[in-house]
N, C-alpha and C. Protein backbone atom coordinates (compact mmCIF):
# COMPACT_ATOMS: atom_id res chain seq x y z
N MET A 1 -16.55 -1.08 -12.30
CA MET A 1 -15.35 -0.37 -11.97
C MET A 1 -14.80 -1.32 -11.94
N ASN A 2 -13.40 -1.16 -12.52
CA ASN A 2 -11.76 -2.14 -12.41
C ASN A 2 -11.39 -1.43 -11.22
N GLN A 3 -10.79 -2.41 -10.53
CA GLN A 3 -9.98 -1.68 -9.42
C GLN A 3 -9.13 -3.15 -8.89
N ALA A 4 -8.42 -2.31 -8.23
CA ALA A 4 -7.03 -3.13 -7.60
C ALA A 4 -6.30 -2.77 -6.29
N LEU A 5 -6.17 -3.93 -5.48
CA LEU A 5 -5.58 -3.72 -4.43
C LEU A 5 -3.61 -4.01 -4.83
N LEU A 6 -3.10 -2.52 -4.14
CA LEU A 6 -1.64 -2.40 -4.58
C LEU A 6 -1.33 -2.51 -2.62
N VAL A 7 -0.30 -3.58 -2.68
CA VAL A 7 0.15 -3.90 -0.84
C VAL A 7 1.57 -3.55 -1.87
N ILE A 8 2.27 -2.72 -0.77
CA ILE A 8 3.56 -2.24 -0.95
C ILE A 8 4.47 -2.08 0.04
N ASP A 9 6.10 -3.04 -0.29
CA ASP A 9 6.86 -3.46 0.48
C ASP A 9 6.60 -4.38 2.27
N ALA A 10 5.43 -4.92 1.79
CA ALA A 10 5.00 -5.39 3.05
C ALA A 10 5.99 -7.15 3.11
N GLN A 11 7.13 -6.33 3.52
CA GLN A 11 8.49 -7.77 3.19
C GLN A 11 8.56 -7.91 4.45
N SER A 12 9.39 -9.05 4.84
CA SER A 12 9.52 -9.67 6.06
C SER A 12 10.48 -9.13 7.00
N ASP A 13 11.70 -8.50 5.88
CA ASP A 13 12.77 -7.70 7.19
C ASP A 13 11.98 -6.29 6.96
N LEU A 14 11.27 -5.76 6.87
CA LEU A 14 10.87 -4.39 6.97
C LEU A 14 9.79 -4.42 8.00
N ILE A 15 9.09 -5.24 7.56
CA ILE A 15 7.90 -5.34 8.84
C ILE A 15 8.57 -6.10 9.94
N ASN A 16 9.50 -7.26 10.08
CA ASN A 16 9.84 -7.92 11.18
C ASN A 16 11.10 -6.36 12.09
N GLY A 17 11.95 -6.00 11.14
CA GLY A 17 13.17 -5.54 11.41
C GLY A 17 14.30 -6.41 11.02
N SER A 18 15.11 -5.52 10.88
CA SER A 18 16.95 -6.53 10.59
C SER A 18 17.62 -5.53 11.34
N LYS A 19 19.01 -5.94 10.96
CA LYS A 19 20.49 -5.27 10.90
C LYS A 19 20.11 -3.81 10.82
N GLU A 20 19.31 -3.54 9.62
CA GLU A 20 19.46 -2.29 8.87
C GLU A 20 18.48 -1.19 9.34
N GLU A 21 17.39 -1.78 9.73
CA GLU A 21 16.20 -1.29 9.57
C GLU A 21 15.54 -2.01 11.14
N LYS A 22 14.54 -0.91 11.48
CA LYS A 22 13.68 -1.16 12.82
C LYS A 22 12.55 -1.86 12.17
N GLY A 23 11.84 -2.30 12.84
CA GLY A 23 10.42 -3.15 12.48
C GLY A 23 9.58 -2.14 12.75
N VAL A 24 8.23 -2.62 11.97
CA VAL A 24 7.04 -1.27 12.26
C VAL A 24 6.23 -1.66 13.28
N ILE A 25 5.72 -0.73 13.44
CA ILE A 25 4.97 -1.06 14.96
C ILE A 25 3.46 -1.58 14.41
N ASN A 26 2.62 -2.05 15.36
CA ASN A 26 1.64 -2.71 15.20
C ASN A 26 1.81 -3.91 14.32
N GLN A 27 2.93 -4.59 14.04
CA GLN A 27 2.96 -5.90 12.81
C GLN A 27 1.85 -6.66 13.07
N GLN A 28 0.95 -7.17 14.25
CA GLN A 28 0.12 -8.20 14.00
C GLN A 28 -1.22 -7.72 13.48
N GLN A 29 -1.22 -6.43 14.01
CA GLN A 29 -2.68 -5.76 12.93
C GLN A 29 -2.62 -5.71 11.75
N LEU A 30 -1.40 -5.00 11.32
CA LEU A 30 -0.89 -5.15 10.42
C LEU A 30 -1.09 -6.29 8.99
N LEU A 31 -0.37 -7.31 9.41
CA LEU A 31 -0.57 -8.69 9.06
C LEU A 31 -1.84 -9.35 8.65
N ALA A 32 -2.34 -8.77 9.56
CA ALA A 32 -4.29 -9.55 9.74
C ALA A 32 -5.07 -8.59 9.02
N ASN A 33 -4.68 -7.26 8.99
CA ASN A 33 -5.37 -6.26 7.89
C ASN A 33 -5.49 -6.55 6.24
N ILE A 34 -3.94 -6.75 6.23
CA ILE A 34 -3.61 -7.24 5.20
C ILE A 34 -4.37 -8.11 4.69
N ASN A 35 -4.41 -9.53 5.19
CA ASN A 35 -4.97 -10.41 4.63
C ASN A 35 -5.96 -10.55 4.53
N SER A 36 -7.02 -9.79 5.82
CA SER A 36 -8.29 -9.44 5.51
C SER A 36 -8.86 -8.76 4.49
N VAL A 37 -7.94 -7.50 3.85
CA VAL A 37 -8.51 -6.81 2.30
C VAL A 37 -7.61 -7.84 1.17
N ILE A 38 -6.85 -8.34 1.57
CA ILE A 38 -6.84 -9.56 0.04
C ILE A 38 -7.59 -10.58 -0.14
N LYS A 39 -8.78 -10.87 1.04
CA LYS A 39 -9.84 -12.07 0.64
C LYS A 39 -10.78 -10.76 0.63
N GLU A 40 -11.33 -9.50 0.70
CA GLU A 40 -12.30 -8.65 0.04
C GLU A 40 -11.76 -8.60 -1.11
N ALA A 41 -10.68 -8.26 -1.53
CA ALA A 41 -10.19 -8.31 -2.96
C ALA A 41 -10.69 -9.06 -3.75
N LEU A 42 -10.10 -10.23 -3.13
CA LEU A 42 -10.49 -11.38 -3.87
C LEU A 42 -12.28 -11.65 -4.30
N ARG A 43 -12.80 -11.79 -3.31
CA ARG A 43 -14.35 -11.61 -3.34
C ARG A 43 -14.70 -10.69 -4.21
N GLU A 44 -14.57 -9.31 -4.08
CA GLU A 44 -14.90 -8.56 -5.40
C GLU A 44 -14.19 -8.55 -6.83
N GLN A 45 -13.32 -9.55 -6.85
CA GLN A 45 -12.35 -9.68 -8.26
C GLN A 45 -12.10 -8.81 -8.80
N ALA A 46 -10.90 -8.03 -7.61
CA ALA A 46 -10.30 -6.69 -8.18
C ALA A 46 -9.05 -7.54 -7.91
N LEU A 47 -7.81 -6.81 -8.87
CA LEU A 47 -6.71 -7.50 -8.82
C LEU A 47 -5.84 -7.21 -7.91
N ILE A 48 -5.11 -8.01 -7.53
CA ILE A 48 -4.33 -8.15 -6.53
C ILE A 48 -2.63 -7.75 -6.95
N VAL A 49 -1.53 -6.40 -6.38
CA VAL A 49 -0.59 -6.19 -7.05
C VAL A 49 0.14 -6.12 -6.01
N PHE A 50 1.39 -6.53 -5.61
CA PHE A 50 2.54 -6.24 -4.42
C PHE A 50 3.80 -6.01 -4.98
N VAL A 51 4.16 -4.88 -4.47
CA VAL A 51 5.49 -4.14 -4.85
C VAL A 51 6.53 -4.39 -3.46
N ARG A 52 7.95 -4.59 -4.38
CA ARG A 52 8.83 -5.35 -3.23
C ARG A 52 9.87 -4.46 -3.64
N ASP A 53 10.58 -3.64 -2.47
CA ASP A 53 11.76 -2.46 -2.23
C ASP A 53 12.77 -3.32 -2.59
N LEU A 54 13.94 -3.66 -3.57
CA LEU A 54 15.06 -4.42 -3.96
C LEU A 54 16.26 -3.84 -3.23
N ASP A 55 16.12 -2.71 -1.99
CA ASP A 55 16.70 -2.28 -1.32
C ASP A 55 16.72 -3.25 0.24
N ILE A 56 15.43 -4.05 0.28
CA ILE A 56 15.57 -4.61 1.56
C ILE A 56 16.10 -5.98 1.61
N SER A 57 16.83 -6.36 2.27
CA SER A 57 17.73 -7.70 2.19
C SER A 57 18.30 -7.45 1.04
N GLU A 58 19.14 -6.60 -0.06
CA GLU A 58 19.83 -6.19 -0.68
C GLU A 58 18.80 -7.55 -2.22
N GLY A 59 17.46 -7.15 -2.06
CA GLY A 59 16.84 -7.83 -3.15
C GLY A 59 16.77 -9.35 -3.00
N LYS A 60 16.92 -10.02 -1.75
CA LYS A 60 17.24 -11.65 -2.08
C LYS A 60 16.76 -11.90 -0.85
N GLY A 61 16.78 -13.43 -0.68
CA GLY A 61 16.51 -14.25 0.57
C GLY A 61 14.98 -14.17 1.21
N LYS A 62 14.92 -14.53 2.34
CA LYS A 62 13.77 -14.60 2.78
C LYS A 62 13.08 -13.04 3.52
N GLY A 63 13.92 -12.38 3.82
CA GLY A 63 14.11 -10.80 4.00
C GLY A 63 13.28 -10.39 3.17
N PHE A 64 13.68 -10.09 2.07
CA PHE A 64 12.83 -9.67 0.47
C PHE A 64 12.10 -10.13 -0.12
N GLN A 65 11.41 -11.60 0.73
CA GLN A 65 10.09 -11.58 0.16
C GLN A 65 8.64 -11.05 0.84
N VAL A 66 7.69 -11.22 0.29
CA VAL A 66 6.40 -11.05 0.93
C VAL A 66 6.46 -11.33 2.37
N HIS A 67 6.00 -10.85 3.50
CA HIS A 67 6.17 -11.52 5.00
C HIS A 67 5.40 -13.14 4.70
N GLU A 68 5.71 -13.64 5.09
CA GLU A 68 5.79 -15.30 5.42
C GLU A 68 3.80 -15.29 5.91
N ALA A 69 3.66 -14.41 6.70
CA ALA A 69 1.97 -14.37 7.27
C ALA A 69 0.88 -14.01 6.47
N ILE A 70 1.64 -13.37 5.27
CA ILE A 70 0.36 -12.82 4.21
C ILE A 70 0.34 -13.45 3.23
N HIS A 71 -1.10 -13.92 3.19
CA HIS A 71 -1.52 -15.00 1.63
C HIS A 71 -1.76 -14.49 0.56
N VAL A 72 -0.36 -14.26 0.25
CA VAL A 72 -0.39 -13.81 -1.56
C VAL A 72 -1.20 -14.98 -2.27
N PRO A 73 -1.91 -14.70 -2.98
CA PRO A 73 -2.98 -15.49 -3.71
C PRO A 73 -2.14 -15.73 -5.14
N GLU A 74 -2.22 -16.56 -5.75
CA GLU A 74 -1.40 -17.43 -6.89
C GLU A 74 -1.53 -16.29 -8.01
N GLN A 75 -2.75 -15.61 -8.26
CA GLN A 75 -2.96 -14.64 -9.32
C GLN A 75 -2.05 -13.32 -9.14
N ALA A 76 -2.11 -13.02 -7.97
CA ALA A 76 -1.26 -11.87 -7.80
C ALA A 76 0.12 -11.40 -8.42
N LYS A 77 -0.12 -10.21 -8.98
CA LYS A 77 1.37 -9.91 -10.26
C LYS A 77 1.98 -8.87 -8.76
N ILE A 78 3.47 -9.07 -8.94
CA ILE A 78 4.47 -8.63 -8.08
C ILE A 78 5.58 -8.07 -8.83
N PHE A 79 5.86 -6.54 -8.67
CA PHE A 79 6.77 -5.75 -9.07
C PHE A 79 7.80 -5.54 -8.35
N ASN A 80 8.59 -5.53 -8.59
CA ASN A 80 10.21 -5.08 -8.09
C ASN A 80 10.74 -3.47 -8.43
N LYS A 81 10.92 -2.80 -7.25
CA LYS A 81 11.02 -1.31 -7.39
C LYS A 81 12.43 -1.06 -6.87
N GLU A 82 13.31 -0.13 -7.44
CA GLU A 82 14.56 0.23 -7.19
C GLU A 82 14.60 1.96 -6.30
N ALA A 83 13.27 2.51 -6.41
CA ALA A 83 13.23 3.61 -5.76
C ALA A 83 11.80 3.70 -4.89
N THR A 84 11.78 4.86 -4.13
CA THR A 84 10.81 4.99 -3.15
C THR A 84 9.82 5.20 -4.14
N ASN A 85 9.47 5.25 -4.79
CA ASN A 85 8.05 5.52 -5.60
C ASN A 85 7.51 4.27 -6.76
N SER A 86 6.50 3.48 -6.36
CA SER A 86 6.49 2.44 -6.77
C SER A 86 5.94 2.22 -8.10
N PHE A 87 5.97 3.51 -8.74
CA PHE A 87 5.16 3.59 -10.36
C PHE A 87 6.70 3.92 -11.07
N HIS A 88 7.94 4.27 -10.15
CA HIS A 88 8.85 4.73 -11.31
C HIS A 88 10.05 3.33 -11.34
N GLY A 89 9.94 3.18 -12.95
CA GLY A 89 10.66 2.02 -13.82
C GLY A 89 9.91 0.42 -13.31
N THR A 90 8.76 0.48 -12.65
CA THR A 90 8.33 -1.08 -12.63
C THR A 90 7.47 -1.36 -13.58
N GLY A 91 6.33 -0.66 -14.49
CA GLY A 91 5.82 -1.17 -15.31
C GLY A 91 4.51 -0.79 -14.47
N LEU A 92 4.47 -0.77 -13.34
CA LEU A 92 2.95 -0.69 -12.68
C LEU A 92 1.83 0.64 -13.26
N LYS A 93 2.17 1.50 -13.58
CA LYS A 93 1.22 2.17 -13.94
C LYS A 93 0.89 1.47 -15.61
N SER A 94 1.29 1.04 -16.38
CA SER A 94 1.01 0.54 -17.77
C SER A 94 0.17 -0.47 -17.34
N TYR A 95 0.74 -1.79 -16.29
CA TYR A 95 -0.02 -2.66 -16.09
C TYR A 95 -1.97 -2.22 -15.46
N LEU A 96 -1.69 -1.41 -14.56
CA LEU A 96 -2.80 -0.55 -13.90
C LEU A 96 -3.65 -0.04 -15.12
N GLU A 97 -3.30 0.63 -16.44
CA GLU A 97 -3.73 1.31 -17.57
C GLU A 97 -4.58 -0.10 -18.32
N GLU A 98 -3.62 -0.87 -18.51
CA GLU A 98 -3.44 -1.83 -19.36
C GLU A 98 -5.01 -2.76 -19.02
N ASN A 99 -5.42 -2.79 -17.38
CA ASN A 99 -6.36 -3.41 -16.58
C ASN A 99 -7.50 -2.52 -16.60
N GLN A 100 -7.61 -1.16 -17.06
CA GLN A 100 -8.43 -0.25 -16.85
C GLN A 100 -8.83 0.17 -15.60
N ILE A 101 -8.04 -0.47 -14.74
CA ILE A 101 -8.12 0.35 -13.26
C ILE A 101 -8.31 1.88 -12.99
N GLU A 102 -9.41 2.11 -12.30
CA GLU A 102 -9.90 3.48 -12.00
C GLU A 102 -9.66 3.47 -10.32
N HIS A 103 -9.55 2.44 -10.13
CA HIS A 103 -9.58 2.84 -8.18
C HIS A 103 -8.52 1.83 -7.78
N LEU A 104 -7.79 2.32 -6.78
CA LEU A 104 -6.53 1.53 -5.81
C LEU A 104 -6.46 1.67 -4.58
N VAL A 105 -6.83 0.29 -3.94
CA VAL A 105 -6.85 0.32 -2.32
C VAL A 105 -5.51 -0.06 -2.15
N ILE A 106 -4.79 1.03 -1.39
CA ILE A 106 -3.28 1.09 -1.01
C ILE A 106 -3.26 0.41 0.51
N MET A 107 -1.94 -0.37 0.80
CA MET A 107 -1.47 -0.76 1.66
C MET A 107 -0.07 -1.17 2.24
N GLY A 108 0.53 -1.08 3.15
CA GLY A 108 2.00 -1.51 3.44
C GLY A 108 2.98 -0.85 3.90
N CYS A 109 4.18 -0.42 3.79
CA CYS A 109 5.13 -0.01 4.27
C CYS A 109 5.88 1.04 3.39
N GLN A 110 6.66 1.81 4.07
CA GLN A 110 6.64 2.40 5.30
C GLN A 110 5.74 3.63 4.99
N THR A 111 4.98 3.77 5.71
CA THR A 111 4.08 5.14 5.95
C THR A 111 4.66 6.55 4.98
N GLU A 112 5.57 6.67 5.81
CA GLU A 112 6.19 8.47 5.57
C GLU A 112 6.92 8.29 4.07
N HIS A 113 7.42 7.17 3.45
CA HIS A 113 8.08 6.72 2.24
C HIS A 113 6.99 6.73 1.15
N CYS A 114 7.04 5.07 1.03
CA CYS A 114 6.61 4.62 -0.27
C CYS A 114 5.29 4.52 -0.09
N ILE A 115 4.63 4.65 0.76
CA ILE A 115 3.17 4.84 0.85
C ILE A 115 2.59 6.01 0.56
N ASP A 116 3.21 7.17 1.15
CA ASP A 116 2.85 8.40 0.82
C ASP A 116 3.39 8.69 -0.69
N THR A 117 4.04 8.39 -0.97
CA THR A 117 4.56 8.54 -2.95
C THR A 117 3.79 8.05 -3.36
N ALA A 118 3.30 6.45 -3.13
CA ALA A 118 1.98 5.97 -4.24
C ALA A 118 1.04 6.40 -4.39
N VAL A 119 0.12 7.16 -2.77
CA VAL A 119 -1.06 7.55 -2.70
C VAL A 119 -1.02 8.83 -3.74
N ARG A 120 -0.12 10.18 -3.75
CA ARG A 120 0.31 10.95 -3.86
C ARG A 120 0.26 10.85 -5.82
N THR A 121 1.48 9.71 -5.87
CA THR A 121 1.77 9.57 -7.83
C THR A 121 0.30 8.93 -8.33
N ALA A 122 -0.42 8.32 -7.34
CA ALA A 122 -1.64 7.56 -8.09
C ALA A 122 -2.49 8.29 -8.46
N THR A 123 -2.96 9.39 -7.78
CA THR A 123 -3.83 10.41 -7.85
C THR A 123 -3.73 11.32 -9.17
N VAL A 124 -2.65 11.60 -8.86
CA VAL A 124 -2.04 12.64 -10.49
C VAL A 124 -1.79 11.56 -11.48
N ASN A 125 -1.91 10.50 -11.42
CA ASN A 125 -1.87 9.84 -12.72
C ASN A 125 -3.73 8.81 -13.24
N GLY A 126 -4.19 9.75 -12.48
CA GLY A 126 -5.42 9.49 -12.78
C GLY A 126 -6.22 8.25 -12.45
N PHE A 127 -5.89 7.87 -11.06
CA PHE A 127 -6.55 6.69 -9.99
C PHE A 127 -7.32 7.51 -9.01
N ASP A 128 -8.40 6.76 -8.76
CA ASP A 128 -9.06 7.78 -7.30
C ASP A 128 -8.49 6.35 -6.39
N VAL A 129 -8.20 6.96 -5.11
CA VAL A 129 -6.95 5.84 -3.96
C VAL A 129 -7.97 5.93 -2.55
N THR A 130 -8.20 4.46 -2.27
CA THR A 130 -8.44 4.61 -0.77
C THR A 130 -6.94 3.90 -0.05
N LEU A 131 -6.74 4.79 0.77
CA LEU A 131 -5.75 4.45 1.64
C LEU A 131 -6.32 3.73 2.68
N VAL A 132 -5.54 2.48 3.01
CA VAL A 132 -6.24 1.71 4.19
C VAL A 132 -5.80 2.16 5.82
N GLY A 133 -6.53 2.73 6.66
CA GLY A 133 -5.94 4.09 7.75
C GLY A 133 -4.92 2.95 8.57
N ASP A 134 -5.19 1.34 8.59
CA ASP A 134 -5.15 0.61 9.59
C ASP A 134 -4.16 -0.11 8.86
N GLY A 135 -3.82 0.09 7.73
CA GLY A 135 -3.29 -0.96 7.06
C GLY A 135 -2.12 -0.32 6.52
N HIS A 136 -1.37 0.54 6.83
CA HIS A 136 0.30 0.81 6.62
C HIS A 136 0.51 1.01 7.91
N SER A 137 2.07 1.11 7.94
CA SER A 137 2.73 0.97 9.17
C SER A 137 4.06 1.36 8.95
N THR A 138 4.86 2.06 10.09
CA THR A 138 6.16 2.47 10.00
C THR A 138 7.00 2.08 11.42
N SER A 139 8.42 2.77 11.91
CA SER A 139 8.70 2.73 12.77
C SER A 139 8.74 4.24 13.19
N ASP A 140 9.11 4.30 14.48
CA ASP A 140 9.83 5.25 15.17
C ASP A 140 11.26 6.21 14.62
N LYS A 141 10.89 7.24 14.76
CA LYS A 141 12.15 8.16 13.90
C LYS A 141 12.05 9.10 15.21
N THR A 142 13.62 9.97 14.90
CA THR A 142 14.12 10.67 15.56
C THR A 142 13.08 11.99 16.07
N VAL A 143 12.31 12.29 15.10
CA VAL A 143 11.28 13.73 15.11
C VAL A 143 10.03 13.02 15.34
N LEU A 144 9.33 12.02 14.99
CA LEU A 144 8.24 11.65 15.62
C LEU A 144 8.24 10.29 15.46
N ASN A 145 7.55 9.63 16.56
CA ASN A 145 7.39 8.15 16.63
C ASN A 145 6.29 7.63 15.43
N ALA A 146 6.04 6.19 15.29
CA ALA A 146 5.55 5.42 14.39
C ALA A 146 4.02 5.83 14.02
N GLN A 147 3.37 6.13 15.56
CA GLN A 147 2.09 6.28 15.67
C GLN A 147 1.71 8.14 14.84
N GLN A 148 2.24 8.71 15.42
CA GLN A 148 2.08 10.42 14.84
C GLN A 148 2.61 10.38 13.60
N ILE A 149 3.27 9.72 12.98
CA ILE A 149 3.55 9.63 11.44
C ILE A 149 2.33 9.21 10.44
N ILE A 150 1.95 7.59 11.37
CA ILE A 150 0.73 7.57 10.92
C ILE A 150 -0.41 7.95 11.02
N ASP A 151 -0.95 8.89 12.04
CA ASP A 151 -2.06 9.44 12.13
C ASP A 151 -1.64 10.87 11.32
N HIS A 152 -0.27 11.64 10.85
CA HIS A 152 -0.57 12.46 10.39
C HIS A 152 -1.14 12.46 8.89
N HIS A 153 -0.31 11.04 8.03
CA HIS A 153 -0.53 11.03 6.86
C HIS A 153 -2.14 10.37 6.88
N ASN A 154 -2.80 9.85 7.68
CA ASN A 154 -3.98 9.49 7.46
C ASN A 154 -4.75 10.73 7.46
N HIS A 155 -4.41 12.03 8.16
CA HIS A 155 -5.28 12.99 8.27
C HIS A 155 -4.80 14.03 6.80
N THR A 156 -3.48 13.83 6.61
CA THR A 156 -3.20 14.54 5.46
C THR A 156 -3.65 13.95 4.00
N LEU A 157 -3.41 13.06 3.92
CA LEU A 157 -4.02 12.09 2.80
C LEU A 157 -5.64 12.00 2.51
N HIS A 158 -6.27 12.30 3.49
CA HIS A 158 -7.46 12.14 3.33
C HIS A 158 -8.34 12.90 2.72
N GLY A 159 -8.53 13.51 1.44
CA GLY A 159 -8.94 14.17 0.68
C GLY A 159 -8.14 14.96 -0.24
N HIS A 160 -6.88 14.57 -0.17
CA HIS A 160 -5.64 14.86 -0.82
C HIS A 160 -5.78 15.13 -2.24
N TYR A 161 -5.66 16.14 -2.91
CA TYR A 161 -5.45 16.58 -4.61
C TYR A 161 -7.06 16.44 -4.80
N LYS A 162 -8.08 16.84 -3.77
CA LYS A 162 -9.52 16.65 -4.61
C LYS A 162 -9.67 17.02 -5.59
N VAL A 163 -9.40 17.02 -6.72
CA VAL A 163 -10.04 17.25 -8.07
C VAL A 163 -10.30 16.31 -8.97
N GLU A 164 -10.44 15.94 -9.90
CA GLU A 164 -10.72 14.65 -10.58
C GLU A 164 -10.23 13.23 -10.03
N HIS A 165 -9.41 13.35 -9.33
CA HIS A 165 -8.91 11.70 -8.61
C HIS A 165 -8.08 12.50 -7.28
N PHE A 166 -8.49 11.82 -6.55
CA PHE A 166 -8.18 12.29 -4.91
C PHE A 166 -8.04 10.79 -3.76
N SER A 167 -7.43 10.98 -3.05
CA SER A 167 -7.33 10.00 -2.22
C SER A 167 -8.28 10.27 -0.81
N ILE A 168 -8.69 9.35 -0.48
CA ILE A 168 -9.46 8.78 0.85
C ILE A 168 -9.39 7.76 1.45
N VAL A 169 -9.05 8.11 3.06
CA VAL A 169 -8.33 7.21 4.23
C VAL A 169 -9.92 6.14 4.83
N ARG A 170 -9.78 5.17 4.70
CA ARG A 170 -10.74 4.12 5.64
C ARG A 170 -10.19 3.12 5.94
N LYS A 171 -10.73 2.70 7.09
CA LYS A 171 -10.32 1.22 7.68
C LYS A 171 -10.59 0.26 6.82
N ALA A 172 -9.64 -1.20 7.53
CA ALA A 172 -9.92 -2.05 6.80
C ALA A 172 -11.17 -2.90 7.32
N ASP A 173 -11.77 -2.75 7.74
CA ASP A 173 -13.03 -3.32 7.86
C ASP A 173 -14.01 -2.59 7.28
N GLU A 174 -13.74 -1.80 6.84
CA GLU A 174 -15.00 -1.03 5.74
C GLU A 174 -15.21 -1.95 4.42
N ASP A 175 -16.23 -1.23 3.91
CA ASP A 175 -16.10 -2.13 2.32
C ASP A 175 -15.49 -1.54 1.57
N LEU A 176 -14.28 -1.53 1.21
CA LEU A 176 -13.26 -0.72 0.67
C LEU A 176 -13.58 -1.14 -0.65
N PHE A 177 -13.78 -1.93 -1.88
CA PHE A 177 -14.16 -2.00 -2.67
C PHE A 177 -15.15 -1.42 -3.04
N LYS A 178 -16.05 -0.75 -2.37
CA LYS A 178 -17.29 0.05 -2.95
C LYS A 178 -16.66 1.51 -2.79
N PRO A 179 -16.14 2.20 -3.78
CA PRO A 179 -15.48 3.44 -3.50
C PRO A 179 -16.54 4.48 -2.92
N ILE A 180 -16.28 5.32 -2.47
CA ILE A 180 -17.15 6.46 -1.90
C ILE A 180 -16.70 7.70 -2.24
N HIS A 181 -15.54 8.12 -3.14
CA HIS A 181 -14.99 9.22 -3.84
C HIS A 181 -16.23 10.36 -4.40
N ASP A 182 -17.38 9.33 -5.28
CA ASP A 182 -18.22 10.45 -5.82
C ASP A 182 -19.04 10.82 -4.76
N THR A 183 -19.01 11.12 -3.50
CA THR A 183 -19.67 11.15 -2.38
C THR A 183 -18.71 12.75 -1.98
N TYR A 184 -17.73 12.58 -2.77
CA TYR A 184 -17.03 14.00 -1.99
C TYR A 184 -16.95 14.94 -3.05
N ARG A 185 -16.97 14.32 -4.45
CA ARG A 185 -16.89 15.12 -5.55
C ARG A 185 -18.13 15.96 -5.67
């Protein structure tokens, strides 16, 4: 089975915070988990894809780049996006289809925006998705705090669109590139 790791908006100013944006919670755990899953993806010969949001730091400078603590492999593919949806206008879907990807492991920022949208879009576009439950983050909002948002999405997206393709939520220390979707079908 062909698989890919999709790391979304793991950019310096989004993780650390900036004048425009609060930093996400559990930054060190998030960064460690992303690096751990990258190592696993490399061992499993999965494609590694990063998506960056052009709204972060106006699409330039250090704040726009993937966080400096993340070990981006040389062979990683990078897409830039202008929308919340990583698949919109980026060529991501075509790239995944050209590489016959069937299973996506998703992590990054921010939970309620780009992560939620990517998981839902991927499943309806023919991919099984594993969301890394301790591999995405956000910041506090006026309605809910960041941990409540993360917990809500981990609960809601586990088993979401359970038809031909769906999402499940697993932890970073699990064997993420050995999908367990078939045990739920």
